[in-house]
Amino acid sequence: MHPFLIDLGTLDVPLLGPTHLFLPSYGVLFALGVTLAWIWFTHRARTLQLPDEKIFNLTFYSLIGGILGAKLLLVLVDWRDFVADPSLLLGTIRTAGVLVGGVAGGAIVFVLYARSQGLPLLQLTDAVTAPLALAQALGRFGCFSAGCCYGTVTDADHPLAVTFTHPQSIAAGRFSGQPLIAVQLLEAAADLLLAVVLTFVWRRRPEPAGTVLALYLVLYGAARFSLEFLRGDVGRGLYFGDRLSTSQLFAAGAVLVGAILLVRGRLAARAGRTT
């Protein structure tokens, strides 16, 4: 609803000339989410008695991997647009990209660095899930502020209807005066609830390690797959007759992987009790 947290307007900047100077709400909320998740995860890693330097590097490199992964998937999804106009690649510097691409990219770097440093990978993945869900929730509030990742057109009396009116809002530019489902807030609420659930589960230290990660994959994947049906922005890759999005394919894969991990963990735990 408020794309700019601070808007200084167009000023004459030395060497740049007239430039619109502003502090984007999305960027602030994204940075806040990353910072809080980083602090929370670092605290959890210390309870596991892991070295601060390695945990700092793990988090930093995973963040870079996540940012690059989100932008890479954006380019892959909309590759036709980028091929037609390569100058659009410069615009990816200011865009967040595709969230699931960010999660995937960060996860790959997370795994590679943890293994290279001899860190307990599954224990760390269990520890990072709730902080990650919190960061995702704040990112969705950022989406709501910017008017991106908006929902489908609905009736004005719908309980989740919102009309974006700010001239710089992405949704307002495409659906001027039309009420849309505030799917960003639904996703934020789902992520916050997920962070709470995963926190309670992690405190119990369920065995085997990796159980919390598996639960995150199942719950987040199921929520994301379902809420994607309420999304109204079509520029995110649609398949099977425009029925499923790129994010839904990733979400379905996450549910499948998480379910397999949960079943394997349960079977391993049962085998351990019988030996």
C-alpha atoms as a PDB file:
ATOM      1  CA  MET A   1       0.000   0.000   0.000  1.00  0.00           C
ATOM      2  CA  HIS A   2       2.975   2.285   0.586  1.00  0.00           C
ATOM      3  CA  PRO A   3       5.760   1.339  -1.858  1.00  0.00           C
ATOM      4  CA  PHE A   4       8.031   4.053  -0.484  1.00  0.00           C
ATOM      5  CA  LEU A   5       8.830   4.250   3.197  1.00  0.00           C
ATOM      6  CA  ILE A   6      10.630   7.549   2.545  1.00  0.00           C
ATOM      7  CA  ASP A   7      10.190   9.473  -0.704  1.00  0.00           C
ATOM      8  CA  LEU A   8      12.453  12.480  -1.270  1.00  0.00           C
ATOM      9  CA  GLY A   9      11.137  13.068  -4.765  1.00  0.00           C
ATOM     10  CA  THR A  10      13.308  13.888  -7.762  1.00  0.00           C
ATOM     11  CA  LEU A  11      16.520  15.657  -6.831  1.00  0.00           C
ATOM     12  CA  ASP A  12      19.472  16.856  -8.860  1.00  0.00           C
ATOM     13  CA  VAL A  13      22.255  14.447  -7.889  1.00  0.00           C
ATOM     14  CA  PRO A  14      25.850  15.282  -8.870  1.00  0.00           C
ATOM     15  CA  LEU A  15      27.068  13.127 -11.774  1.00  0.00           C
ATOM     16  CA  LEU A  16      23.650  11.488 -12.057  1.00  0.00           C
ATOM     17  CA  GLY A  17      21.401  14.450 -12.771  1.00  0.00           C
ATOM     18  CA  PRO A  18      17.698  14.378 -11.841  1.00  0.00           C
ATOM     19  CA  THR A  19      17.163  11.210  -9.803  1.00  0.00           C
ATOM     20  CA  HIS A  20      14.187   9.867  -7.903  1.00  0.00           C
ATOM     21  CA  LEU A  21      15.446   9.198  -4.383  1.00  0.00           C
ATOM     22  CA  PHE A  22      13.401   6.931  -2.139  1.00  0.00           C
ATOM     23  CA  LEU A  23      13.628   4.186   0.459  1.00  0.00           C
ATOM     24  CA  PRO A  24      11.459   1.262  -0.692  1.00  0.00           C
ATOM     25  CA  SER A  25       9.226  -0.374   1.890  1.00  0.00           C
ATOM     26  CA  TYR A  26       9.867  -3.781   0.362  1.00  0.00           C
ATOM     27  CA  GLY A  27      13.623  -3.407   0.678  1.00  0.00           C
ATOM     28  CA  VAL A  28      13.370  -2.341   4.316  1.00  0.00           C
ATOM     29  CA  LEU A  29      11.076  -5.231   5.244  1.00  0.00           C
ATOM     30  CA  PHE A  30      13.229  -7.710   3.335  1.00  0.00           C
ATOM     31  CA  ALA A  31      16.351  -6.464   5.114  1.00  0.00           C
ATOM     32  CA  LEU A  32      14.551  -6.595   8.468  1.00  0.00           C
ATOM     33  CA  GLY A  33      13.448 -10.178   7.839  1.00  0.00           C
ATOM     34  CA  VAL A  34      16.951 -11.268   6.843  1.00  0.00           C
ATOM     35  CA  THR A  35      18.504  -9.545   9.859  1.00  0.00           C
ATOM     36  CA  LEU A  36      16.086 -11.063  12.375  1.00  0.00           C
ATOM     37  CA  ALA A  37      16.410 -14.511  10.808  1.00  0.00           C
ATOM     38  CA  TRP A  38      20.211 -14.200  10.834  1.00  0.00           C
ATOM     39  CA  ILE A  39      20.289 -13.248  14.537  1.00  0.00           C
ATOM     40  CA  TRP A  40      17.826 -15.981  15.465  1.00  0.00           C
ATOM     41  CA  PHE A  41      19.662 -18.672  13.531  1.00  0.00           C
ATOM     42  CA  THR A  42      23.034 -17.586  14.951  1.00  0.00           C
ATOM     43  CA  HIS A  43      21.633 -17.863  18.473  1.00  0.00           C
ATOM     44  CA  ARG A  44      20.347 -21.356  17.739  1.00  0.00           C
ATOM     45  CA  ALA A  45      23.695 -22.400  16.256  1.00  0.00           C
ATOM     46  CA  ARG A  46      25.427 -21.293  19.460  1.00  0.00           C
ATOM     47  CA  THR A  47      23.166 -23.583  21.479  1.00  0.00           C
ATOM     48  CA  LEU A  48      24.550 -26.362  19.289  1.00  0.00           C
ATOM     49  CA  GLN A  49      28.043 -25.181  20.282  1.00  0.00           C
ATOM     50  CA  LEU A  50      29.144 -24.440  16.718  1.00  0.00           C
ATOM     51  CA  PRO A  51      31.900 -21.904  15.849  1.00  0.00           C
ATOM     52  CA  ASP A  52      30.642 -18.374  15.226  1.00  0.00           C
ATOM     53  CA  GLU A  53      32.913 -17.735  12.243  1.00  0.00           C
ATOM     54  CA  LYS A  54      31.715 -20.753  10.306  1.00  0.00           C
ATOM     55  CA  ILE A  55      28.085 -19.991  11.103  1.00  0.00           C
ATOM     56  CA  PHE A  56      28.549 -16.381   9.958  1.00  0.00           C
ATOM     57  CA  ASN A  57      30.071 -17.539   6.677  1.00  0.00           C
ATOM     58  CA  LEU A  58      27.379 -20.175   6.244  1.00  0.00           C
ATOM     59  CA  THR A  59      24.633 -17.597   6.665  1.00  0.00           C
ATOM     60  CA  PHE A  60      26.314 -14.967   4.506  1.00  0.00           C
ATOM     61  CA  TYR A  61      27.053 -17.270   1.595  1.00  0.00           C
ATOM     62  CA  SER A  62      23.574 -18.801   1.773  1.00  0.00           C
ATOM     63  CA  LEU A  63      22.042 -15.329   1.634  1.00  0.00           C
ATOM     64  CA  ILE A  64      24.052 -14.494  -1.482  1.00  0.00           C
ATOM     65  CA  GLY A  65      23.035 -17.821  -2.998  1.00  0.00           C
ATOM     66  CA  GLY A  66      19.408 -17.090  -2.190  1.00  0.00           C
ATOM     67  CA  ILE A  67      19.471 -13.668  -3.823  1.00  0.00           C
ATOM     68  CA  LEU A  68      21.128 -15.022  -6.955  1.00  0.00           C
ATOM     69  CA  GLY A  69      18.796 -18.021  -7.060  1.00  0.00           C
ATOM     70  CA  ALA A  70      15.694 -15.819  -6.875  1.00  0.00           C
ATOM     71  CA  LYS A  71      16.893 -13.636  -9.733  1.00  0.00           C
ATOM     72  CA  LEU A  72      18.062 -16.581 -11.832  1.00  0.00           C
ATOM     73  CA  LEU A  73      14.688 -18.297 -11.606  1.00  0.00           C
ATOM     74  CA  LEU A  74      12.997 -15.015 -12.531  1.00  0.00           C
ATOM     75  CA  VAL A  75      15.088 -14.875 -15.704  1.00  0.00           C
ATOM     76  CA  LEU A  76      14.406 -18.542 -16.474  1.00  0.00           C
ATOM     77  CA  VAL A  77      10.656 -18.154 -15.993  1.00  0.00           C
ATOM     78  CA  ASP A  78      10.422 -15.029 -18.163  1.00  0.00           C
ATOM     79  CA  TRP A  79      13.271 -15.909 -20.507  1.00  0.00           C
ATOM     80  CA  ARG A  80      11.340 -14.894 -23.608  1.00  0.00           C
ATOM     81  CA  ASP A  81      11.027 -11.325 -22.317  1.00  0.00           C
ATOM     82  CA  PHE A  82      14.731 -11.147 -21.501  1.00  0.00           C
ATOM     83  CA  VAL A  83      15.722 -12.566 -24.887  1.00  0.00           C
ATOM     84  CA  ALA A  84      13.501 -10.037 -26.627  1.00  0.00           C
ATOM     85  CA  ASP A  85      14.916  -7.172 -24.547  1.00  0.00           C
ATOM     86  CA  PRO A  86      18.255  -7.972 -22.846  1.00  0.00           C
ATOM     87  CA  SER A  87      18.237  -4.545 -21.201  1.00  0.00           C
ATOM     88  CA  LEU A  88      15.630  -5.932 -18.805  1.00  0.00           C
ATOM     89  CA  LEU A  89      18.451  -7.813 -17.096  1.00  0.00           C
ATOM     90  CA  LEU A  90      19.539  -4.533 -15.512  1.00  0.00           C
ATOM     91  CA  GLY A  91      16.125  -4.300 -13.859  1.00  0.00           C
ATOM     92  CA  THR A  92      16.743  -7.538 -11.949  1.00  0.00           C
ATOM     93  CA  ILE A  93      19.127  -5.576  -9.736  1.00  0.00           C
ATOM     94  CA  ARG A  94      16.111  -3.858  -8.163  1.00  0.00           C
ATOM     95  CA  THR A  95      13.694  -6.794  -8.201  1.00  0.00           C
ATOM     96  CA  ALA A  96      13.445  -9.505  -5.578  1.00  0.00           C
ATOM     97  CA  GLY A  97      12.974 -12.348  -8.033  1.00  0.00           C
ATOM     98  CA  VAL A  98      11.082 -15.586  -7.429  1.00  0.00           C
ATOM     99  CA  LEU A  99      10.934 -16.635  -3.775  1.00  0.00           C
ATOM    100  CA  VAL A 100      11.178 -20.383  -4.337  1.00  0.00           C
ATOM    101  CA  GLY A 101      14.253 -19.790  -6.470  1.00  0.00           C
ATOM    102  CA  GLY A 102      15.770 -17.902  -3.559  1.00  0.00           C
ATOM    103  CA  VAL A 103      15.006 -20.722  -1.138  1.00  0.00           C
ATOM    104  CA  ALA A 104      16.462 -23.284  -3.559  1.00  0.00           C
ATOM    105  CA  GLY A 105      19.585 -21.236  -4.265  1.00  0.00           C
ATOM    106  CA  GLY A 106      20.200 -20.559  -0.596  1.00  0.00           C
ATOM    107  CA  ALA A 107      19.635 -24.215   0.254  1.00  0.00           C
ATOM    108  CA  ILE A 108      22.202 -25.410  -2.289  1.00  0.00           C
ATOM    109  CA  VAL A 109      24.873 -23.072  -0.925  1.00  0.00           C
ATOM    110  CA  PHE A 110      23.874 -23.972   2.645  1.00  0.00           C
ATOM    111  CA  VAL A 111      24.387 -27.676   1.994  1.00  0.00           C
ATOM    112  CA  LEU A 112      27.637 -27.269   0.075  1.00  0.00           C
ATOM    113  CA  TYR A 113      29.265 -24.990   2.647  1.00  0.00           C
ATOM    114  CA  ALA A 114      28.106 -27.005   5.663  1.00  0.00           C
ATOM    115  CA  ARG A 115      29.476 -30.205   4.161  1.00  0.00           C
ATOM    116  CA  SER A 116      32.768 -28.583   3.165  1.00  0.00           C
ATOM    117  CA  GLN A 117      33.284 -27.339   6.729  1.00  0.00           C
ATOM    118  CA  GLY A 118      32.236 -30.540   8.452  1.00  0.00           C
ATOM    119  CA  LEU A 119      29.221 -28.918  10.106  1.00  0.00           C
ATOM    120  CA  PRO A 120      26.244 -31.038  11.271  1.00  0.00           C
ATOM    121  CA  LEU A 121      24.050 -30.413   8.230  1.00  0.00           C
ATOM    122  CA  LEU A 122      20.748 -31.892   9.374  1.00  0.00           C
ATOM    123  CA  GLN A 123      20.922 -30.240  12.791  1.00  0.00           C
ATOM    124  CA  LEU A 124      21.555 -26.907  11.101  1.00  0.00           C
ATOM    125  CA  THR A 125      18.699 -27.356   8.641  1.00  0.00           C
ATOM    126  CA  ASP A 126      16.381 -28.051  11.566  1.00  0.00           C
ATOM    127  CA  ALA A 127      17.624 -24.890  13.278  1.00  0.00           C
ATOM    128  CA  VAL A 128      17.229 -22.619  10.242  1.00  0.00           C
ATOM    129  CA  THR A 129      13.654 -23.470   9.243  1.00  0.00           C
ATOM    130  CA  ALA A 130      11.736 -21.261  11.700  1.00  0.00           C
ATOM    131  CA  PRO A 131      14.001 -18.216  11.108  1.00  0.00           C
ATOM    132  CA  LEU A 132      13.576 -18.767   7.370  1.00  0.00           C
ATOM    133  CA  ALA A 133       9.787 -18.817   7.728  1.00  0.00           C
ATOM    134  CA  LEU A 134       9.937 -15.558   9.691  1.00  0.00           C
ATOM    135  CA  ALA A 135      12.014 -13.908   6.965  1.00  0.00           C
ATOM    136  CA  GLN A 136       9.538 -15.107   4.353  1.00  0.00           C
ATOM    137  CA  ALA A 137       6.640 -13.626   6.320  1.00  0.00           C
ATOM    138  CA  LEU A 138       8.250 -10.188   6.513  1.00  0.00           C
ATOM    139  CA  GLY A 139       9.073 -10.431   2.823  1.00  0.00           C
ATOM    140  CA  ARG A 140       5.388 -10.974   2.078  1.00  0.00           C
ATOM    141  CA  PHE A 141       4.508  -7.849   4.034  1.00  0.00           C
ATOM    142  CA  GLY A 142       6.999  -6.147   1.742  1.00  0.00           C
ATOM    143  CA  CYS A 143       5.143  -7.563  -1.265  1.00  0.00           C
ATOM    144  CA  PHE A 144       1.920  -6.114   0.103  1.00  0.00           C
ATOM    145  CA  SER A 145       3.547  -2.712   0.539  1.00  0.00           C
ATOM    146  CA  ALA A 146       4.891  -2.734  -3.004  1.00  0.00           C
ATOM    147  CA  GLY A 147       1.699  -4.125  -4.496  1.00  0.00           C
ATOM    148  CA  CYS A 148       3.481  -7.075  -6.099  1.00  0.00           C
ATOM    149  CA  CYS A 149       2.581 -10.773  -5.915  1.00  0.00           C
ATOM    150  CA  TYR A 150      -1.028  -9.616  -5.785  1.00  0.00           C
ATOM    151  CA  GLY A 151      -4.162 -11.732  -5.733  1.00  0.00           C
ATOM    152  CA  THR A 152      -6.990 -12.257  -8.178  1.00  0.00           C
ATOM    153  CA  VAL A 153      -9.714  -9.697  -8.826  1.00  0.00           C
ATOM    154  CA  THR A 154     -12.616 -10.027  -6.394  1.00  0.00           C
ATOM    155  CA  ASP A 155     -15.726  -8.213  -5.161  1.00  0.00           C
ATOM    156  CA  ALA A 156     -15.373  -5.083  -3.071  1.00  0.00           C
ATOM    157  CA  ASP A 157     -17.282  -6.703  -0.191  1.00  0.00           C
ATOM    158  CA  HIS A 158     -14.947  -9.694  -0.033  1.00  0.00           C
ATOM    159  CA  PRO A 159     -13.420  -9.931   3.493  1.00  0.00           C
ATOM    160  CA  LEU A 160      -9.917 -10.079   1.993  1.00  0.00           C
ATOM    161  CA  ALA A 161     -10.443  -7.445  -0.691  1.00  0.00           C
ATOM    162  CA  VAL A 162      -7.932  -4.630  -0.966  1.00  0.00           C
ATOM    163  CA  THR A 163      -7.635  -1.885  -3.567  1.00  0.00           C
ATOM    164  CA  PHE A 164      -4.162  -0.594  -4.339  1.00  0.00           C
ATOM    165  CA  THR A 165      -4.292   3.125  -5.053  1.00  0.00           C
ATOM    166  CA  HIS A 166      -0.715   4.373  -4.777  1.00  0.00           C
ATOM    167  CA  PRO A 167       0.429   5.440  -8.261  1.00  0.00           C
ATOM    168  CA  GLN A 168       3.746   3.589  -7.821  1.00  0.00           C
ATOM    169  CA  SER A 169       2.108   0.374  -6.673  1.00  0.00           C
ATOM    170  CA  ILE A 170       2.552  -2.456  -9.177  1.00  0.00           C
ATOM    171  CA  ALA A 171      -1.004  -3.711  -8.694  1.00  0.00           C
ATOM    172  CA  ALA A 172      -2.504  -0.222  -9.011  1.00  0.00           C
ATOM    173  CA  GLY A 173      -0.799   0.229 -12.354  1.00  0.00           C
ATOM    174  CA  ARG A 174      -2.459  -2.901 -13.728  1.00  0.00           C
ATOM    175  CA  PHE A 175      -5.756  -3.020 -11.829  1.00  0.00           C
ATOM    176  CA  SER A 176      -6.607   0.600 -11.158  1.00  0.00           C
ATOM    177  CA  GLY A 177      -9.567   0.816  -8.780  1.00  0.00           C
ATOM    178  CA  GLN A 178     -10.220  -2.935  -8.819  1.00  0.00           C
ATOM    179  CA  PRO A 179     -10.307  -4.846  -5.519  1.00  0.00           C
ATOM    180  CA  LEU A 180      -7.900  -7.766  -5.283  1.00  0.00           C
ATOM    181  CA  ILE A 181      -7.567 -10.602  -2.804  1.00  0.00           C
ATOM    182  CA  ALA A 182      -4.816  -9.727  -0.316  1.00  0.00           C
ATOM    183  CA  VAL A 183      -3.029 -13.018  -0.877  1.00  0.00           C
ATOM    184  CA  GLN A 184       0.238 -11.475   0.335  1.00  0.00           C
ATOM    185  CA  LEU A 185      -1.240 -11.166   3.823  1.00  0.00           C
ATOM    186  CA  LEU A 186      -2.516 -14.737   3.716  1.00  0.00           C
ATOM    187  CA  GLU A 187       0.967 -15.932   2.789  1.00  0.00           C
ATOM    188  CA  ALA A 188       2.522 -13.805   5.530  1.00  0.00           C
ATOM    189  CA  ALA A 189       0.087 -15.244   8.092  1.00  0.00           C
ATOM    190  CA  ALA A 190       0.824 -18.786   6.916  1.00  0.00           C
ATOM    191  CA  ASP A 191       4.577 -18.176   7.210  1.00  0.00           C
ATOM    192  CA  LEU A 192       4.246 -16.703  10.704  1.00  0.00           C
ATOM    193  CA  LEU A 193       2.137 -19.657  11.840  1.00  0.00           C
ATOM    194  CA  LEU A 194       4.701 -21.992  10.309  1.00  0.00           C
ATOM    195  CA  ALA A 195       7.498 -20.240  12.235  1.00  0.00           C
ATOM    196  CA  VAL A 196       5.571 -20.754  15.493  1.00  0.00           C
ATOM    197  CA  VAL A 197       4.867 -24.442  14.808  1.00  0.00           C
ATOM    198  CA  LEU A 198       8.457 -25.158  13.795  1.00  0.00           C
ATOM    199  CA  THR A 199       9.746 -23.382  16.905  1.00  0.00           C
ATOM    200  CA  PHE A 200       7.751 -25.648  19.204  1.00  0.00           C
ATOM    201  CA  VAL A 201       8.838 -28.735  17.287  1.00  0.00           C
ATOM    202  CA  TRP A 202      12.527 -27.711  17.230  1.00  0.00           C
ATOM    203  CA  ARG A 203      12.575 -27.167  20.990  1.00  0.00           C
ATOM    204  CA  ARG A 204      11.701 -30.818  21.465  1.00  0.00           C
ATOM    205  CA  ARG A 205      14.747 -31.817  19.357  1.00  0.00           C
ATOM    206  CA  PRO A 206      12.900 -34.603  17.529  1.00  0.00           C
ATOM    207  CA  GLU A 207      14.893 -37.543  16.246  1.00  0.00           C
ATOM    208  CA  PRO A 208      16.287 -38.185  13.772  1.00  0.00           C
ATOM    209  CA  ALA A 209      17.893 -34.872  12.812  1.00  0.00           C
ATOM    210  CA  GLY A 210      16.216 -33.430   9.745  1.00  0.00           C
ATOM    211  CA  THR A 211      12.681 -33.972  11.041  1.00  0.00           C
ATOM    212  CA  VAL A 212      12.007 -30.244  11.442  1.00  0.00           C
ATOM    213  CA  LEU A 213      13.296 -29.604   7.933  1.00  0.00           C
ATOM    214  CA  ALA A 214      10.997 -32.304   6.572  1.00  0.00           C
ATOM    215  CA  LEU A 215       8.032 -30.778   8.382  1.00  0.00           C
ATOM    216  CA  TYR A 216       8.907 -27.350   6.948  1.00  0.00           C
ATOM    217  CA  LEU A 217       8.997 -28.757   3.417  1.00  0.00           C
ATOM    218  CA  VAL A 218       5.613 -30.417   3.806  1.00  0.00           C
ATOM    219  CA  LEU A 219       3.792 -27.544   5.513  1.00  0.00           C
ATOM    220  CA  TYR A 220       5.314 -24.693   3.528  1.00  0.00           C
ATOM    221  CA  GLY A 221       4.932 -26.580   0.257  1.00  0.00           C
ATOM    222  CA  ALA A 222       1.280 -27.372   0.939  1.00  0.00           C
ATOM    223  CA  ALA A 223       0.466 -23.794   1.960  1.00  0.00           C
ATOM    224  CA  ARG A 224       2.303 -22.279  -0.992  1.00  0.00           C
ATOM    225  CA  PHE A 225       0.715 -24.683  -3.476  1.00  0.00           C
ATOM    226  CA  SER A 226      -2.780 -23.852  -2.184  1.00  0.00           C
ATOM    227  CA  LEU A 227      -2.385 -20.078  -1.942  1.00  0.00           C
ATOM    228  CA  GLU A 228      -0.924 -19.859  -5.443  1.00  0.00           C
ATOM    229  CA  PHE A 229      -4.434 -20.444  -6.787  1.00  0.00           C
ATOM    230  CA  LEU A 230      -5.360 -17.023  -5.382  1.00  0.00           C
ATOM    231  CA  ARG A 231      -2.501 -15.237  -7.133  1.00  0.00           C
ATOM    232  CA  GLY A 232      -3.425 -12.864  -9.932  1.00  0.00           C
ATOM    233  CA  ASP A 233      -0.007 -11.940 -11.323  1.00  0.00           C
ATOM    234  CA  VAL A 234       0.484 -14.073 -14.408  1.00  0.00           C
ATOM    235  CA  GLY A 235       4.131 -13.223 -15.103  1.00  0.00           C
ATOM    236  CA  ARG A 236       5.588 -16.047 -13.012  1.00  0.00           C
ATOM    237  CA  GLY A 237       5.435 -19.038 -15.336  1.00  0.00           C
ATOM    238  CA  LEU A 238       2.266 -21.044 -15.907  1.00  0.00           C
ATOM    239  CA  TYR A 239       2.034 -24.623 -17.138  1.00  0.00           C
ATOM    240  CA  PHE A 240      -0.492 -27.371 -17.925  1.00  0.00           C
ATOM    241  CA  GLY A 241      -2.929 -25.043 -19.610  1.00  0.00           C
ATOM    242  CA  ASP A 242      -2.133 -22.155 -17.233  1.00  0.00           C
ATOM    243  CA  ARG A 243      -3.277 -24.267 -14.283  1.00  0.00           C
ATOM    244  CA  LEU A 244      -0.046 -24.505 -12.312  1.00  0.00           C
ATOM    245  CA  SER A 245       2.740 -21.993 -11.702  1.00  0.00           C
ATOM    246  CA  THR A 246       6.480 -22.507 -11.401  1.00  0.00           C
ATOM    247  CA  SER A 247       6.169 -22.010  -7.645  1.00  0.00           C
ATOM    248  CA  GLN A 248       3.512 -24.714  -7.437  1.00  0.00           C
ATOM    249  CA  LEU A 249       5.784 -27.200  -9.180  1.00  0.00           C
ATOM    250  CA  PHE A 250       8.531 -26.434  -6.666  1.00  0.00           C
ATOM    251  CA  ALA A 251       6.008 -26.576  -3.801  1.00  0.00           C
ATOM    252  CA  ALA A 252       4.714 -29.979  -4.891  1.00  0.00           C
ATOM    253  CA  GLY A 253       8.289 -31.232  -5.067  1.00  0.00           C
ATOM    254  CA  ALA A 254       8.948 -29.879  -1.573  1.00  0.00           C
ATOM    255  CA  VAL A 255       5.926 -31.714  -0.170  1.00  0.00           C
ATOM    256  CA  LEU A 256       7.061 -34.955  -1.802  1.00  0.00           C
ATOM    257  CA  VAL A 257      10.647 -34.660  -0.532  1.00  0.00           C
ATOM    258  CA  GLY A 258       9.475 -33.678   2.949  1.00  0.00           C
ATOM    259  CA  ALA A 259       7.050 -36.592   3.128  1.00  0.00           C
ATOM    260  CA  ILE A 260       9.778 -39.034   2.077  1.00  0.00           C
ATOM    261  CA  LEU A 261      12.122 -37.646   4.738  1.00  0.00           C
ATOM    262  CA  LEU A 262       9.435 -37.941   7.406  1.00  0.00           C
ATOM    263  CA  VAL A 263       8.656 -41.555   6.486  1.00  0.00           C
ATOM    264  CA  ARG A 264      12.343 -42.487   6.341  1.00  0.00           C
ATOM    265  CA  GLY A 265      12.935 -40.807   9.694  1.00  0.00           C
ATOM    266  CA  ARG A 266      10.029 -42.627  11.289  1.00  0.00           C
ATOM    267  CA  LEU A 267      11.190 -45.964   9.920  1.00  0.00           C
ATOM    268  CA  ALA A 268      14.765 -45.311  11.095  1.00  0.00           C
ATOM    269  CA  ALA A 269      13.551 -44.366  14.563  1.00  0.00           C
ATOM    270  CA  ARG A 270      11.413 -47.493  14.754  1.00  0.00           C
ATOM    271  CA  ALA A 271      14.312 -49.665  13.632  1.00  0.00           C
ATOM    272  CA  GLY A 272      16.527 -48.080  16.275  1.00  0.00           C
ATOM    273  CA  ARG A 273      14.032 -48.919  19.027  1.00  0.00           C
ATOM    274  CA  THR A 274      13.830 -52.566  17.991  1.00  0.00           C
ATOM    275  CA  THR A 275      17.600 -53.174  17.924  1.00  0.00           C
END
